[in-house]
Amino acid sequence: MATFARTYKARGIVLRARNLGEADRIVTLFTLERGKVDGVAKGLRRARSRVGGRLEFGNEVAVTMHRGRSLDVISGVEILRERWSALVEPPRFAVAATACEMVDAFCEPDLAMPDVYALLAGMLAAIARSVEPRMLLPRFSMRLLEALGIAPPLGDCVRCGKTLAPERAWLDGAAGGLIDDTCRERGRLLPELDREELTNLRSLAAPRDAEQRVVRAFPNVARAVELLVAHHLGRRLKSAATSAELEANVNVR
């Protein structure tokens, strides 16, 4: 029978937190070693808490955890990368919340996914220094689907399997990918992607090139990516709507 040490250490990113009782909080971390884990930070809401400012959203931390009967207890925290002060700006916060919500929703507890961890850490770093954080979401979404093994084929129709024509295709959210003209149901409105938009979508999904260029999603492509994510989650992301509203308000000003 396998035995586990009562105390262990992990490196993690703070995804969210919720109140527990009068002074404690349950913090959800996405860790490098164990994937998603919940831990109780006792006394976190007290003014004299030793870890009060360390477990802020988006921070990358080294934690010491003590195994409990139902929930592990966070007994020590060291900040590795402080992101909160940069992410607190509303447009950045909304995009960071969307990225963290995706990881939280897609990833199972106690399942290490180093590729996803690296992707999220890189995304939060990019958001923290970006003046247009929302433009980072489509590429992050496509790379996340790839890391999870659920990215759709971008060269073939997901319904019939035939090679897509180069000049256009349609994004069928219900099917979870691109379809050709033969499989498109007449009278059903679907996002249509032309040759340039298809190239843009494939560029978003591709690994970063040697020049580390940032790929900006075309508006129609960004909407298509949101549909893909919603298809796999079975719902639209709550924080994605907030991010869009914040961007609209900024543009109006």
Protein backbone atom coordinates (compact mmCIF):
# COMPACT_ATOMS: atom_id res chain seq x y z
CA MET A 1 0.00 0.00 0.00
CA ALA A 2 1.39 3.38 -1.04
CA THR A 3 2.20 5.86 1.73
CA PHE A 4 2.32 9.62 1.42
CA ALA A 5 4.30 12.17 3.38
CA ARG A 6 2.03 14.28 5.57
CA THR A 7 3.88 17.44 4.51
CA TYR A 8 4.91 18.26 0.97
CA LYS A 9 6.02 21.23 -1.13
CA ALA A 10 4.73 22.43 -4.48
CA ARG A 11 5.13 25.26 -6.97
CA GLY A 12 1.81 26.75 -8.05
CA ILE A 13 -0.19 29.60 -9.55
CA VAL A 14 -3.12 31.03 -7.60
CA LEU A 15 -6.28 30.49 -9.68
CA ARG A 16 -8.94 31.64 -7.22
CA ALA A 17 -9.96 31.70 -3.57
CA ARG A 18 -13.18 31.54 -1.58
CA ASN A 19 -14.02 32.30 2.04
CA LEU A 20 -14.24 29.59 4.68
CA GLY A 21 -15.63 30.46 8.06
CA GLU A 22 -14.77 33.80 9.64
CA ALA A 23 -11.06 34.06 8.88
CA ASP A 24 -9.93 31.25 6.56
CA ARG A 25 -9.92 30.92 2.78
CA ILE A 26 -9.81 27.94 0.43
CA VAL A 27 -7.20 28.70 -2.24
CA THR A 28 -7.19 26.84 -5.55
CA LEU A 29 -3.69 26.43 -6.96
CA PHE A 30 -2.56 25.01 -10.26
CA THR A 31 0.67 23.30 -9.29
CA LEU A 32 3.52 21.98 -11.37
CA GLU A 33 3.80 18.76 -9.39
CA ARG A 34 0.15 17.82 -8.77
CA GLY A 35 -1.98 19.90 -11.10
CA LYS A 36 -5.01 21.56 -9.52
CA VAL A 37 -5.23 21.40 -5.73
CA ASP A 38 -7.26 23.14 -3.03
CA GLY A 39 -5.68 24.21 0.22
CA VAL A 40 -6.94 25.96 3.34
CA ALA A 41 -5.07 29.12 4.29
CA LYS A 42 -5.93 29.54 7.95
CA GLY A 43 -6.34 33.09 9.20
CA LEU A 44 -5.73 34.50 5.71
CA ARG A 45 -8.38 37.18 6.15
CA ARG A 46 -6.94 38.44 9.40
CA ALA A 47 -4.91 41.65 9.30
CA ARG A 48 -1.88 39.96 10.88
CA SER A 49 -1.85 36.91 8.61
CA ARG A 50 1.69 35.77 7.77
CA VAL A 51 0.70 34.85 4.21
CA GLY A 52 -1.96 37.51 3.62
CA GLY A 53 -0.45 39.30 0.63
CA ARG A 54 1.27 36.29 -0.89
CA LEU A 55 -1.70 34.26 -2.07
CA GLU A 56 -3.14 36.92 -4.35
CA PHE A 57 -4.67 35.94 -7.68
CA GLY A 58 -2.10 35.22 -10.41
CA ASN A 59 0.91 35.02 -8.10
CA GLU A 60 3.33 32.14 -8.64
CA VAL A 61 4.29 30.72 -5.27
CA ALA A 62 6.16 27.94 -3.52
CA VAL A 63 3.87 26.43 -0.90
CA THR A 64 4.29 24.00 1.95
CA MET A 65 1.17 21.86 2.35
CA HIS A 66 0.06 19.61 5.18
CA ARG A 67 -2.32 16.80 4.28
CA GLY A 68 -5.68 16.97 6.03
CA ARG A 69 -8.68 14.65 6.17
CA SER A 70 -10.71 16.51 3.56
CA LEU A 71 -8.59 19.50 2.55
CA ASP A 72 -4.86 20.10 2.73
CA VAL A 73 -3.64 23.03 4.80
CA ILE A 74 -1.23 25.66 3.47
CA SER A 75 1.37 26.12 6.17
CA GLY A 76 3.98 28.17 4.31
CA VAL A 77 4.12 30.44 1.24
CA GLU A 78 7.00 32.03 -0.64
CA ILE A 79 6.39 34.31 -3.63
CA LEU A 80 8.33 33.25 -6.72
CA ARG A 81 6.74 35.71 -9.17
CA GLU A 82 4.50 38.50 -7.99
CA ARG A 83 1.87 39.15 -10.71
CA TRP A 84 -1.00 40.69 -8.75
CA SER A 85 0.18 44.32 -8.82
CA ALA A 86 0.28 44.22 -12.66
CA LEU A 87 -2.87 42.13 -13.08
CA VAL A 88 -5.06 44.27 -10.82
CA GLU A 89 -5.74 46.71 -13.70
CA PRO A 90 -9.30 45.83 -14.86
CA PRO A 91 -8.62 44.92 -18.54
CA ARG A 92 -5.63 42.78 -17.55
CA PHE A 93 -7.48 41.23 -14.64
CA ALA A 94 -10.41 40.22 -16.88
CA VAL A 95 -8.14 38.49 -19.40
CA ALA A 96 -6.07 36.80 -16.68
CA ALA A 97 -9.30 35.62 -15.03
CA THR A 98 -10.44 34.14 -18.34
CA ALA A 99 -7.16 32.25 -18.79
CA CYS A 100 -7.28 30.94 -15.22
CA GLU A 101 -10.96 30.03 -15.53
CA MET A 102 -10.15 27.95 -18.61
CA VAL A 103 -7.38 26.05 -16.81
CA ASP A 104 -9.57 25.62 -13.74
CA ALA A 105 -12.50 24.30 -15.82
CA PHE A 106 -10.54 22.02 -18.13
CA CYS A 107 -8.05 20.47 -15.70
CA GLU A 108 -8.89 17.74 -13.21
CA PRO A 109 -7.63 17.83 -9.59
CA ASP A 110 -4.41 15.98 -8.75
CA LEU A 111 -3.34 15.55 -12.37
CA ALA A 112 0.03 17.10 -13.18
CA MET A 113 0.15 18.84 -16.59
CA PRO A 114 3.55 20.55 -16.93
CA ASP A 115 2.82 21.83 -20.44
CA VAL A 116 -0.36 23.55 -19.27
CA TYR A 117 1.47 24.97 -16.25
CA ALA A 118 4.17 26.48 -18.48
CA LEU A 119 1.53 27.84 -20.86
CA LEU A 120 -0.43 29.54 -18.05
CA ALA A 121 2.70 30.98 -16.44
CA GLY A 122 3.79 32.42 -19.78
CA MET A 123 0.31 33.82 -20.44
CA LEU A 124 0.14 35.63 -17.10
CA ALA A 125 3.61 37.08 -17.67
CA ALA A 126 2.54 38.33 -21.10
CA ILE A 127 -0.69 39.83 -19.76
CA ALA A 128 1.21 41.64 -17.00
CA ARG A 129 3.24 43.61 -19.55
CA SER A 130 0.68 43.95 -22.35
CA VAL A 131 -1.18 47.13 -23.29
CA GLU A 132 -3.68 45.02 -25.28
CA PRO A 133 -4.14 41.94 -23.12
CA ARG A 134 -7.33 40.70 -24.80
CA MET A 135 -5.47 40.07 -28.06
CA LEU A 136 -3.51 37.31 -26.26
CA LEU A 137 -6.58 35.16 -25.53
CA PRO A 138 -7.19 33.46 -28.91
CA ARG A 139 -3.67 32.08 -29.16
CA PHE A 140 -3.65 31.00 -25.53
CA SER A 141 -6.98 29.23 -26.07
CA MET A 142 -5.76 27.35 -29.14
CA ARG A 143 -2.49 26.35 -27.48
CA LEU A 144 -4.39 25.20 -24.39
CA LEU A 145 -6.70 22.99 -26.46
CA GLU A 146 -3.59 21.54 -28.11
CA ALA A 147 -1.90 20.88 -24.74
CA LEU A 148 -5.07 19.16 -23.52
CA GLY A 149 -5.22 16.98 -26.63
CA ILE A 150 -8.61 18.27 -27.75
CA ALA A 151 -7.63 20.76 -30.46
CA PRO A 152 -9.61 20.20 -33.69
CA PRO A 153 -7.91 19.35 -36.98
CA LEU A 154 -7.54 22.57 -38.95
CA GLY A 155 -6.96 21.01 -42.36
CA ASP A 156 -9.87 18.57 -42.49
CA CYS A 157 -13.64 18.74 -42.08
CA VAL A 158 -14.60 17.44 -38.63
CA ARG A 159 -17.78 15.91 -40.01
CA CYS A 160 -16.67 14.02 -43.12
CA GLY A 161 -12.88 14.01 -42.70
CA LYS A 162 -12.18 15.40 -46.17
CA THR A 163 -9.45 17.96 -46.78
CA LEU A 164 -10.83 21.48 -46.55
CA ALA A 165 -10.80 23.74 -49.58
CA PRO A 166 -8.16 26.46 -49.15
CA GLU A 167 -10.46 29.37 -49.92
CA ARG A 168 -13.08 28.96 -47.16
CA ALA A 169 -14.53 26.86 -44.36
CA TRP A 170 -17.14 27.23 -41.61
CA LEU A 171 -16.71 26.94 -37.86
CA ASP A 172 -19.34 24.57 -36.51
CA GLY A 173 -19.36 24.97 -32.74
CA ALA A 174 -21.64 21.97 -32.24
CA ALA A 175 -19.20 19.75 -34.14
CA GLY A 176 -16.17 21.29 -32.46
CA GLY A 177 -14.23 22.33 -35.56
CA LEU A 178 -14.19 23.36 -39.18
CA ILE A 179 -16.54 21.96 -41.80
CA ASP A 180 -16.66 22.19 -45.58
CA ASP A 181 -19.45 23.41 -47.85
CA THR A 182 -20.80 19.90 -48.39
CA CYS A 183 -21.39 19.33 -44.67
CA ARG A 184 -22.79 22.80 -44.01
CA GLU A 185 -26.52 22.80 -43.34
CA ARG A 186 -28.32 25.32 -45.53
CA GLY A 187 -30.05 28.07 -43.65
CA ARG A 188 -27.89 27.64 -40.55
CA LEU A 189 -25.76 30.67 -39.76
CA LEU A 190 -22.15 29.73 -39.00
CA PRO A 191 -18.97 31.84 -38.88
CA GLU A 192 -17.38 31.65 -42.32
CA LEU A 193 -13.59 31.86 -42.52
CA ASP A 194 -11.93 32.91 -45.76
CA ARG A 195 -8.43 31.99 -46.92
CA GLU A 196 -6.66 34.66 -44.86
CA GLU A 197 -8.71 33.90 -41.76
CA LEU A 198 -7.97 30.19 -42.05
CA THR A 199 -4.27 31.01 -42.27
CA ASN A 200 -4.64 33.24 -39.21
CA LEU A 201 -6.38 30.49 -37.23
CA ARG A 202 -3.66 27.97 -38.09
CA SER A 203 -0.97 30.47 -37.10
CA LEU A 204 -2.61 30.91 -33.70
CA ALA A 205 -2.56 27.15 -33.15
CA ALA A 206 1.05 26.68 -34.27
CA PRO A 207 3.99 26.64 -31.82
CA ARG A 208 5.73 29.99 -31.46
CA ASP A 209 8.32 30.52 -34.18
CA ALA A 210 11.99 31.26 -33.59
CA GLU A 211 11.37 35.03 -33.79
CA GLN A 212 8.76 34.80 -30.99
CA ARG A 213 6.29 36.89 -32.98
CA VAL A 214 2.90 37.66 -31.46
CA VAL A 215 0.05 36.52 -33.70
CA ARG A 216 -2.99 38.82 -33.59
CA ALA A 217 -6.32 37.11 -34.23
CA PHE A 218 -8.67 38.58 -36.82
CA PRO A 219 -12.04 39.51 -35.24
CA ASN A 220 -13.90 36.69 -37.00
CA VAL A 221 -11.20 34.21 -35.96
CA ALA A 222 -11.33 35.36 -32.32
CA ARG A 223 -15.08 34.68 -32.29
CA ALA A 224 -14.51 31.25 -33.83
CA VAL A 225 -11.98 30.38 -31.11
CA GLU A 226 -14.46 31.41 -28.40
CA LEU A 227 -17.01 29.03 -29.95
CA LEU A 228 -14.48 26.19 -29.89
CA VAL A 229 -13.73 26.73 -26.21
CA ALA A 230 -17.44 26.95 -25.38
CA HIS A 231 -18.04 23.69 -27.27
CA HIS A 232 -15.48 21.78 -25.22
CA LEU A 233 -16.58 23.31 -21.92
CA GLY A 234 -20.29 23.03 -22.66
CA ARG A 235 -20.75 26.69 -21.73
CA ARG A 236 -19.39 30.15 -22.37
CA LEU A 237 -16.73 31.38 -20.00
CA LYS A 238 -18.11 33.84 -17.44
CA SER A 239 -14.95 35.95 -17.35
CA ALA A 240 -14.77 36.13 -21.18
CA ALA A 241 -17.98 38.17 -21.24
CA THR A 242 -16.55 40.53 -18.59
CA SER A 243 -13.35 40.94 -20.61
CA ALA A 244 -15.31 41.85 -23.75
CA GLU A 245 -17.39 44.40 -21.84
CA LEU A 246 -14.31 46.05 -20.35
CA GLU A 247 -12.66 46.30 -23.76
CA ALA A 248 -15.82 47.85 -25.24
CA ASN A 249 -15.89 50.46 -22.48
CA VAL A 250 -12.23 51.31 -23.05
CA ASN A 251 -12.81 51.72 -26.81
CA VAL A 252 -15.81 54.00 -26.22
CA ARG A 253 -13.66 56.32 -24.17
